[in-house]
Amino acid sequence: MAKDDLGRTLRRLRRLACLTQEELAARSGVSVDVIRQLEQRRKHSARLPTLHALANGLGVELTTLLGDPPAVSSTGENDGPRFVAVRRAIMPVLWEAAPEPPGPDFTLHKLREQIADGWTQYHAAEFDAVMKALPDLISDARTATAWGAEPDRRAGFGALGKALQLAGHVAVRMGKTDLALTSLERAIDAAKQSSDPLLLPMIVNSMAWTYQRQGRLADALHVALRAAADMVTAGHVGTADGLKVWGALTMSAATSAARSGDYDRAAAMMETAEKEAACVSTLPDGGDNRMVSVFSPSSVRIERVRLAVQYGHPHAALALAKGMRLSKDTPPSWRTWLLLDVARAHTDIGDAAGAVKTLESLRRVAPTWMRHHTLAVAIVRDLWALPHHPPGLGPLAQFLGVSE
C-alpha cells in the first residue's frame, strides 16, 4: 500500500486520458494548483469530495484512482485463489447440476449462525477467513433453497441472500465493484423469495454503498431513498430491526447527498436519522444484531464526524468525537473509521501530535485495517512530509512502509 502513490497514479491516469492538468481541472472542478501539488508529491492526499471529482473528471472509478482498495486481505492479494473460489460461488458454472440433498448434520439454524459469524469476521477485517468460508456458505444456502418444505426453502433463500450480500461486501473491499453488484443483484433475487421483509432493503443499502464506490452518487441516493420510503409505506419500521434498516438507508442517502455537494440536504437527513436512532432501544428487539444493518446513536455520530472531516470542518468533527461513548454493538470497522477520521481532523488543523496519538490507538485496536487502508497510509505520508516529525511517528511510518 505504501508504495502506491496517489500523485503518480493521478498523473498516469491523466496522461492515459490525454488530458492536460488544466483540462482535468476544467472537467473535475478541482483547481490546477491542487492537481499540480498532488502530481508533484507536494501533497499526498485529498479529501473525499476532491477524489470523487478527480475520478469523475478522469472517467474512472474511485478505487482506480486510490490504487489498492481499503482493507485488502492480509496476504496483500485481491485476486488470489481464494477470491477466485468466491467468484465461482457467486457465479456458478452454466448448467451446473442441481444441489444434492443436505447432509444429516445440516440445519438452517447452524447455517445462519455460520453466516452471522462471517459478518463478524468481515467487520473485524478477517478477510482471509471470510473468503475461505464463503464458497461453502453460498453452496449450502443454495442447497437449502432446493430441498425441504416451503417454509424451509424460503428460509434458505433468506440465508442465500445474506451470504451473497456478504460476498458483495467482500468484493467491494477487494476492489471488484462490478462483481459486487452481480452478487448483490443475485442476493436481491433470493431476498424476494425469502420470508424476511427486511432483507431486500438491507441488500439495497449494500447496492447504494457499491454505487458510491463507483462514483454513481445519484444512483446511490435514488435507491437508498426509495428503499427507505418503501419501508415506511409497508409499515416495516415499527421494530428495532426495521428502524435500523431504515436508518442505515437514510444515512447512506445522506452520504450520497453530501458527496454530491448538497450538504444542507445531507445535514437534514442526518438530523432526522439521529432523532430516530434514539428510538431503537425503545422498540421490540428482533434478535441477532450481526444479521441486521448497523444503526444506533453511535453510528450516526460516527457518520457525522466522517462527513465533517470530508467536507472541511475538522474542528466540528473533533467536537463531535470528543467524549463519544460507543455502544457495545458498534462493529470494529466503524470504530476504525472513527479513529481514522479523528486522525485526519487533527492533521487538517495542524495538530500532528494529536494525529499520531490517534493513529497509535488505531494500530493497537485494528492493525490489519490500518496496514491496508488507503486513508491511514495517506495520513502518515502527509505527516512524514512535515519538516519536524512528532514523537511516535517513526514507528507508524515504518509499520506502513512509508519511511522506506
Protein backbone atom coordinates (compact mmCIF):
# COMPACT_ATOMS: atom_id res chain seq x y z
CA MET A 1 0.00 0.00 0.00
CA ALA A 2 2.66 2.50 0.99
CA LYS A 3 4.39 2.12 -2.38
CA ASP A 4 1.19 3.15 -4.22
CA ASP A 5 1.36 6.93 -4.66
CA LEU A 6 -1.77 8.99 -5.34
CA GLY A 7 0.16 11.62 -7.29
CA ARG A 8 1.85 9.07 -9.52
CA THR A 9 -1.47 7.32 -10.17
CA LEU A 10 -3.20 10.61 -10.91
CA ARG A 11 -0.52 11.62 -13.40
CA ARG A 12 -0.64 8.22 -15.14
CA LEU A 13 -4.45 8.24 -15.44
CA ARG A 14 -4.47 11.83 -16.65
CA ARG A 15 -1.98 11.02 -19.39
CA LEU A 16 -3.92 7.90 -20.41
CA ALA A 17 -6.97 10.14 -20.77
CA CYS A 18 -4.90 12.54 -22.93
CA LEU A 19 -5.70 15.45 -20.62
CA THR A 20 -3.54 18.37 -19.54
CA GLN A 21 -3.66 19.46 -15.92
CA GLU A 22 -5.75 22.43 -16.99
CA GLU A 23 -8.20 20.21 -18.89
CA LEU A 24 -8.58 17.87 -15.92
CA ALA A 25 -9.19 20.88 -13.69
CA ALA A 26 -11.95 22.08 -16.01
CA ARG A 27 -13.58 18.63 -16.14
CA SER A 28 -13.38 17.93 -12.42
CA GLY A 29 -13.79 21.35 -10.87
CA VAL A 30 -10.57 20.78 -8.87
CA SER A 31 -8.05 23.60 -9.04
CA VAL A 32 -4.97 23.22 -11.19
CA ASP A 33 -2.87 24.04 -8.14
CA VAL A 34 -4.24 21.04 -6.19
CA ILE A 35 -3.69 18.73 -9.17
CA ARG A 36 -0.15 20.04 -9.59
CA GLN A 37 0.64 19.61 -5.88
CA LEU A 38 -0.64 16.03 -5.93
CA GLU A 39 1.27 15.08 -9.06
CA GLN A 40 4.46 16.68 -7.79
CA ARG A 41 4.01 14.85 -4.46
CA ARG A 42 3.99 18.09 -2.51
CA LYS A 43 0.56 16.97 -1.34
CA HIS A 44 -0.01 13.27 -0.60
CA SER A 45 -3.75 13.04 -0.03
CA ALA A 46 -7.02 14.88 -0.61
CA ARG A 47 -10.49 14.94 0.87
CA LEU A 48 -13.01 12.51 -0.49
CA PRO A 49 -15.07 15.06 -2.49
CA THR A 50 -11.88 16.08 -4.27
CA LEU A 51 -11.03 12.46 -5.04
CA HIS A 52 -14.54 11.81 -6.33
CA ALA A 53 -14.34 14.89 -8.54
CA LEU A 54 -10.96 13.84 -9.94
CA ALA A 55 -12.19 10.30 -10.60
CA ASN A 56 -15.25 11.67 -12.40
CA GLY A 57 -13.09 14.03 -14.43
CA LEU A 58 -10.84 11.13 -15.43
CA GLY A 59 -13.78 8.83 -16.15
CA VAL A 60 -12.60 6.12 -13.75
CA GLU A 61 -13.85 4.50 -10.57
CA LEU A 62 -12.66 5.99 -7.29
CA THR A 63 -10.87 2.74 -6.42
CA THR A 64 -8.85 3.04 -9.63
CA LEU A 65 -7.57 6.43 -8.52
CA LEU A 66 -6.80 5.29 -4.98
CA GLY A 67 -4.86 2.22 -6.06
CA ASP A 68 -5.30 -0.81 -3.81
CA PRO A 69 -8.71 -0.65 -2.15
CA PRO A 70 -9.02 -0.22 1.61
CA ALA A 71 -8.86 -3.42 3.64
CA VAL A 72 -7.44 -5.92 1.17
CA SER A 73 -6.68 -9.34 2.58
CA SER A 74 -3.72 -9.80 4.87
CA THR A 75 -1.82 -11.53 2.05
CA GLY A 76 -1.97 -8.30 0.05
CA GLU A 77 -3.67 -10.16 -2.83
CA ASN A 78 -7.06 -9.14 -4.10
CA ASP A 79 -7.47 -11.77 -6.81
CA GLY A 80 -5.78 -14.89 -5.45
CA PRO A 81 -7.13 -18.46 -5.42
CA ARG A 82 -9.48 -17.85 -2.50
CA PHE A 83 -11.12 -14.92 -4.23
CA VAL A 84 -11.40 -16.93 -7.44
CA ALA A 85 -13.35 -19.51 -5.43
CA VAL A 86 -15.64 -16.75 -4.14
CA ARG A 87 -16.18 -15.55 -7.72
CA ARG A 88 -17.11 -19.08 -8.78
CA ALA A 89 -19.55 -19.39 -5.88
CA ILE A 90 -21.25 -16.12 -6.83
CA MET A 91 -21.44 -17.10 -10.50
CA PRO A 92 -21.63 -20.92 -10.69
CA VAL A 93 -20.85 -22.68 -13.94
CA LEU A 94 -23.53 -22.77 -16.61
CA TRP A 95 -25.76 -25.87 -16.46
CA GLU A 96 -24.45 -26.79 -13.05
CA ALA A 97 -26.11 -29.92 -11.63
CA ALA A 98 -28.94 -29.46 -9.14
CA PRO A 99 -27.82 -29.38 -5.49
CA GLU A 100 -27.62 -32.70 -3.67
CA PRO A 101 -29.84 -33.14 -0.59
CA PRO A 102 -28.27 -31.64 2.57
CA GLY A 103 -26.34 -33.97 4.83
CA PRO A 104 -27.67 -35.28 8.16
CA ASP A 105 -25.77 -32.64 10.15
CA PHE A 106 -27.19 -29.70 8.19
CA THR A 107 -29.60 -27.30 9.87
CA LEU A 108 -30.76 -23.86 8.80
CA HIS A 109 -30.05 -22.56 12.28
CA LYS A 110 -26.42 -23.71 12.04
CA LEU A 111 -26.10 -22.17 8.57
CA ARG A 112 -27.43 -18.81 9.77
CA GLU A 113 -25.00 -18.89 12.69
CA GLN A 114 -22.12 -19.50 10.29
CA ILE A 115 -23.22 -16.62 8.06
CA ALA A 116 -23.55 -14.35 11.12
CA ASP A 117 -20.02 -15.37 12.15
CA GLY A 118 -18.88 -14.42 8.65
CA TRP A 119 -20.29 -10.92 9.10
CA THR A 120 -18.47 -10.64 12.43
CA GLN A 121 -15.20 -11.64 10.75
CA TYR A 122 -15.85 -9.15 7.96
CA HIS A 123 -16.27 -6.26 10.39
CA ALA A 124 -13.07 -7.37 12.14
CA ALA A 125 -11.19 -7.25 8.79
CA GLU A 126 -10.53 -11.02 8.87
CA PHE A 127 -10.97 -11.20 5.11
CA ASP A 128 -8.95 -14.34 4.53
CA ALA A 129 -11.22 -16.24 6.93
CA VAL A 130 -14.35 -14.84 5.28
CA MET A 131 -13.17 -15.73 1.78
CA LYS A 132 -12.29 -19.24 2.90
CA ALA A 133 -15.79 -19.79 4.33
CA LEU A 134 -17.89 -18.02 1.67
CA PRO A 135 -17.95 -20.69 -1.09
CA ASP A 136 -19.31 -23.34 1.28
CA LEU A 137 -21.77 -20.90 2.85
CA ILE A 138 -23.19 -19.95 -0.54
CA SER A 139 -23.28 -23.58 -1.68
CA ASP A 140 -25.05 -24.73 1.49
CA ALA A 141 -27.56 -21.89 1.20
CA ARG A 142 -28.33 -22.80 -2.42
CA THR A 143 -28.90 -26.38 -1.28
CA ALA A 144 -31.31 -25.14 1.39
CA THR A 145 -33.38 -23.37 -1.28
CA ALA A 146 -33.92 -26.61 -3.21
CA TRP A 147 -34.95 -29.08 -0.51
CA GLY A 148 -37.49 -29.36 2.27
CA ALA A 149 -40.89 -27.86 2.94
CA GLU A 150 -41.77 -24.43 1.55
CA PRO A 151 -41.08 -22.52 4.82
CA ASP A 152 -37.63 -24.10 4.97
CA ARG A 153 -36.92 -23.25 1.34
CA ARG A 154 -37.97 -19.64 1.95
CA ALA A 155 -35.66 -19.53 4.95
CA GLY A 156 -32.96 -20.98 2.71
CA PHE A 157 -33.45 -18.11 0.27
CA GLY A 158 -33.03 -15.74 3.22
CA ALA A 159 -29.72 -17.39 4.11
CA LEU A 160 -28.62 -17.27 0.47
CA GLY A 161 -29.43 -13.57 0.31
CA LYS A 162 -27.29 -12.80 3.39
CA ALA A 163 -24.41 -14.97 2.12
CA LEU A 164 -24.43 -13.28 -1.29
CA GLN A 165 -24.70 -9.86 0.38
CA LEU A 166 -21.59 -10.73 2.41
CA ALA A 167 -19.82 -11.83 -0.77
CA GLY A 168 -20.75 -8.50 -2.34
CA HIS A 169 -19.21 -6.59 0.55
CA VAL A 170 -16.00 -8.63 0.32
CA ALA A 171 -15.86 -7.99 -3.43
CA VAL A 172 -16.10 -4.24 -2.80
CA ARG A 173 -13.24 -4.46 -0.31
CA MET A 174 -11.18 -6.30 -2.91
CA GLY A 175 -11.87 -3.54 -5.44
CA LYS A 176 -14.18 -5.71 -7.60
CA THR A 177 -17.25 -3.49 -7.64
CA ASP A 178 -18.77 -4.99 -10.79
CA LEU A 179 -18.62 -8.46 -9.26
CA ALA A 180 -20.08 -6.99 -6.07
CA LEU A 181 -23.09 -5.67 -8.00
CA THR A 182 -23.58 -9.10 -9.61
CA SER A 183 -23.52 -10.75 -6.20
CA LEU A 184 -25.91 -8.19 -4.74
CA GLU A 185 -28.33 -8.49 -7.68
CA ARG A 186 -28.47 -12.25 -7.08
CA ALA A 187 -28.90 -11.57 -3.38
CA ILE A 188 -31.93 -9.40 -4.21
CA ASP A 189 -33.41 -12.22 -6.28
CA ALA A 190 -33.01 -14.53 -3.27
CA ALA A 191 -34.45 -11.94 -0.89
CA LYS A 192 -37.61 -11.67 -2.99
CA GLN A 193 -38.19 -15.40 -2.46
CA SER A 194 -37.46 -15.31 1.27
CA SER A 195 -39.82 -14.69 4.17
CA ASP A 196 -37.76 -11.78 5.56
CA PRO A 197 -39.26 -8.37 4.60
CA LEU A 198 -36.12 -6.56 5.82
CA LEU A 199 -33.64 -8.48 3.71
CA LEU A 200 -34.39 -6.69 0.42
CA PRO A 201 -33.88 -3.14 1.78
CA MET A 202 -30.70 -4.26 3.57
CA ILE A 203 -29.26 -5.52 0.30
CA VAL A 204 -30.40 -2.36 -1.50
CA ASN A 205 -28.34 -0.41 1.04
CA SER A 206 -25.31 -2.51 0.08
CA MET A 207 -26.07 -1.68 -3.57
CA ALA A 208 -26.13 2.03 -2.70
CA TRP A 209 -22.73 1.72 -0.99
CA THR A 210 -21.31 -0.04 -4.05
CA TYR A 211 -22.70 2.68 -6.34
CA GLN A 212 -20.96 5.23 -4.09
CA ARG A 213 -17.67 3.40 -4.54
CA GLN A 214 -18.17 3.61 -8.31
CA GLY A 215 -18.89 7.34 -8.15
CA ARG A 216 -22.55 6.77 -9.10
CA LEU A 217 -23.78 9.12 -6.40
CA ALA A 218 -27.15 9.98 -7.97
CA ASP A 219 -27.94 6.27 -8.36
CA ALA A 220 -26.89 5.59 -4.77
CA LEU A 221 -29.07 8.41 -3.47
CA HIS A 222 -32.08 7.29 -5.52
CA VAL A 223 -32.09 3.63 -4.47
CA ALA A 224 -31.47 4.40 -0.79
CA LEU A 225 -34.29 6.96 -0.61
CA ARG A 226 -36.72 4.71 -2.48
CA ALA A 227 -35.99 1.69 -0.28
CA ALA A 228 -36.37 3.79 2.88
CA ALA A 229 -39.69 5.20 1.65
CA ASP A 230 -40.93 1.74 0.69
CA MET A 231 -40.20 0.52 4.22
CA VAL A 232 -42.31 3.29 5.73
CA THR A 233 -45.15 2.63 3.28
CA ALA A 234 -45.10 -1.09 4.09
CA GLY A 235 -45.06 -0.44 7.84
CA HIS A 236 -41.71 -2.14 8.44
CA VAL A 237 -40.19 0.45 10.80
CA GLY A 238 -42.09 -0.47 13.96
CA THR A 239 -39.42 -2.82 15.30
CA ALA A 240 -35.83 -2.23 16.33
CA ASP A 241 -34.54 -4.21 13.34
CA GLY A 242 -36.84 -2.39 10.92
CA LEU A 243 -35.79 1.01 12.22
CA LYS A 244 -32.12 0.00 11.97
CA VAL A 245 -32.52 -0.90 8.30
CA TRP A 246 -34.43 2.33 7.58
CA GLY A 247 -31.84 4.35 9.48
CA ALA A 248 -28.92 2.80 7.63
CA LEU A 249 -30.59 3.62 4.32
CA THR A 250 -31.18 7.20 5.44
CA MET A 251 -27.53 7.62 6.47
CA SER A 252 -26.44 6.17 3.14
CA ALA A 253 -28.65 8.65 1.30
CA ALA A 254 -27.21 11.49 3.38
CA THR A 255 -23.67 10.44 2.49
CA SER A 256 -24.53 10.38 -1.22
CA ALA A 257 -26.15 13.81 -0.98
CA ALA A 258 -23.12 15.24 0.80
CA ARG A 259 -20.68 13.79 -1.70
CA SER A 260 -22.80 15.31 -4.47
CA GLY A 261 -22.38 18.75 -2.85
CA ASP A 262 -25.86 19.01 -1.33
CA TYR A 263 -24.65 19.49 2.24
CA ASP A 264 -27.87 21.08 3.53
CA ARG A 265 -29.94 18.11 2.40
CA ALA A 266 -27.41 15.73 3.89
CA ALA A 267 -27.44 17.56 7.22
CA ALA A 268 -31.24 17.44 7.35
CA MET A 269 -31.28 13.70 6.72
CA MET A 270 -28.60 13.08 9.34
CA GLU A 271 -30.57 15.15 11.85
CA THR A 272 -33.65 13.02 11.18
CA ALA A 273 -31.58 9.84 11.49
CA GLU A 274 -30.10 10.93 14.81
CA LYS A 275 -33.55 11.57 16.28
CA GLU A 276 -34.83 8.17 15.14
CA ALA A 277 -31.71 6.36 16.35
CA ALA A 278 -32.62 7.30 19.91
CA CYS A 279 -35.84 5.28 19.49
CA VAL A 280 -34.15 1.98 18.60
CA SER A 281 -33.72 0.89 22.21
CA THR A 282 -37.42 1.51 22.94
CA LEU A 283 -38.71 -0.88 20.23
CA PRO A 284 -39.08 -4.67 20.26
CA ASP A 285 -35.72 -6.34 19.58
CA GLY A 286 -35.60 -8.65 16.59
CA GLY A 287 -32.72 -10.88 17.62
CA ASP A 288 -29.24 -11.29 16.11
CA ASN A 289 -27.63 -7.88 15.55
CA ARG A 290 -24.96 -9.47 13.37
CA MET A 291 -27.50 -10.01 10.60
CA VAL A 292 -29.05 -6.52 10.62
CA SER A 293 -27.87 -3.12 9.36
CA VAL A 294 -25.74 -1.00 11.68
CA PHE A 295 -27.79 1.89 13.07
CA SER A 296 -27.56 3.43 16.53
CA PRO A 297 -26.81 6.82 18.11
CA SER A 298 -23.12 5.84 17.93
CA SER A 299 -23.20 5.01 14.21
CA VAL A 300 -24.99 8.27 13.39
CA ARG A 301 -22.42 10.27 15.34
CA ILE A 302 -19.57 8.41 13.62
CA GLU A 303 -21.07 9.25 10.23
CA ARG A 304 -21.47 12.90 11.24
CA VAL A 305 -17.79 13.00 12.20
CA ARG A 306 -16.89 11.48 8.86
CA LEU A 307 -18.88 14.00 6.86
CA ALA A 308 -17.50 16.92 8.88
CA VAL A 309 -13.94 15.79 8.14
CA GLN A 310 -14.56 15.12 4.48
CA TYR A 311 -16.15 18.49 3.87
CA GLY A 312 -13.67 20.74 5.56
CA HIS A 313 -14.91 21.12 9.13
CA PRO A 314 -12.18 19.44 11.21
CA HIS A 315 -12.89 21.44 14.38
CA ALA A 316 -16.56 20.41 14.23
CA ALA A 317 -15.51 16.80 13.67
CA LEU A 318 -13.29 16.81 16.75
CA ALA A 319 -16.05 18.41 18.80
CA LEU A 320 -18.49 15.70 17.70
CA ALA A 321 -15.99 12.94 18.51
CA LYS A 322 -14.92 14.31 21.90
CA GLY A 323 -16.15 12.15 24.74
CA MET A 324 -18.10 9.88 22.40
CA ARG A 325 -19.15 6.63 24.08
CA LEU A 326 -19.72 3.90 21.54
CA SER A 327 -22.46 1.34 22.04
CA LYS A 328 -21.35 -2.24 22.57
CA ASP A 329 -22.80 -3.36 19.24
CA THR A 330 -20.68 -0.88 17.23
CA PRO A 331 -18.64 -3.08 14.83
CA PRO A 332 -14.83 -2.78 14.85
CA SER A 333 -14.90 -1.44 11.29
CA TRP A 334 -16.97 1.57 12.40
CA ARG A 335 -14.64 2.20 15.34
CA THR A 336 -11.76 2.09 12.89
CA TRP A 337 -13.34 4.69 10.62
CA LEU A 338 -13.91 6.97 13.59
CA LEU A 339 -10.24 6.84 14.59
CA LEU A 340 -9.16 7.43 11.00
CA ASP A 341 -11.42 10.45 10.69
CA VAL A 342 -10.27 11.89 14.01
CA ALA A 343 -6.64 11.44 12.91
CA ARG A 344 -7.41 13.22 9.65
CA ALA A 345 -9.14 16.07 11.51
CA HIS A 346 -6.08 16.54 13.73
CA THR A 347 -3.90 16.58 10.60
CA ASP A 348 -6.12 19.16 8.91
CA ILE A 349 -5.82 21.61 11.82
CA GLY A 350 -2.05 21.13 12.04
CA ASP A 351 -2.11 19.05 15.23
CA ALA A 352 0.43 16.41 14.18
CA ALA A 353 0.87 15.15 17.74
CA GLY A 354 -2.88 14.59 18.09
CA ALA A 355 -2.95 12.73 14.78
CA VAL A 356 -0.09 10.45 15.82
CA LYS A 357 -1.72 9.71 19.17
CA THR A 358 -4.96 8.72 17.41
CA LEU A 359 -3.11 6.58 14.86
CA GLU A 360 -1.26 4.82 17.68
CA SER A 361 -4.66 3.93 19.15
CA LEU A 362 -5.77 2.66 15.76
CA ARG A 363 -2.70 0.47 15.43
CA ARG A 364 -3.44 -1.08 18.82
CA VAL A 365 -7.10 -1.88 18.11
CA ALA A 366 -7.08 -2.61 14.36
CA PRO A 367 -3.59 -3.23 12.93
CA THR A 368 -4.92 -5.19 9.93
CA TRP A 369 -7.31 -2.45 8.89
CA MET A 370 -4.63 0.19 9.35
CA ARG A 371 -1.93 -1.54 7.34
CA HIS A 372 -4.14 -1.96 4.30
CA HIS A 373 -6.19 1.21 4.46
CA THR A 374 -5.54 3.90 1.87
CA LEU A 375 -6.54 6.75 4.16
CA ALA A 376 -4.29 5.63 7.02
CA VAL A 377 -1.29 5.44 4.69
CA ALA A 378 -2.13 8.83 3.18
CA ILE A 379 -2.34 10.49 6.60
CA VAL A 380 1.01 9.07 7.68
CA ARG A 381 2.54 10.17 4.36
CA ASP A 382 1.32 13.72 5.00
CA LEU A 383 2.80 13.68 8.50
CA TRP A 384 6.07 12.17 7.28
CA ALA A 385 6.41 15.02 4.77
CA LEU A 386 6.49 17.57 7.61
CA PRO A 387 9.88 19.14 8.40
CA HIS A 388 9.58 18.12 12.06
CA HIS A 389 8.28 14.66 12.95
CA PRO A 390 6.20 14.40 16.13
CA PRO A 391 7.15 11.71 18.67
CA GLY A 392 5.80 8.30 17.75
CA LEU A 393 5.56 8.95 14.00
CA GLY A 394 8.66 6.89 13.14
CA PRO A 395 7.25 3.51 14.27
CA LEU A 396 3.97 4.21 12.48
CA ALA A 397 5.77 5.14 9.24
CA GLN A 398 7.89 2.00 9.50
CA PHE A 399 4.81 -0.13 10.18
CA LEU A 400 3.15 1.14 7.00
CA GLY A 401 6.32 1.20 4.90
CA VAL A 402 6.12 4.97 4.41
CA SER A 403 9.66 5.58 5.69
CA GLU A 404 11.24 3.13 3.25
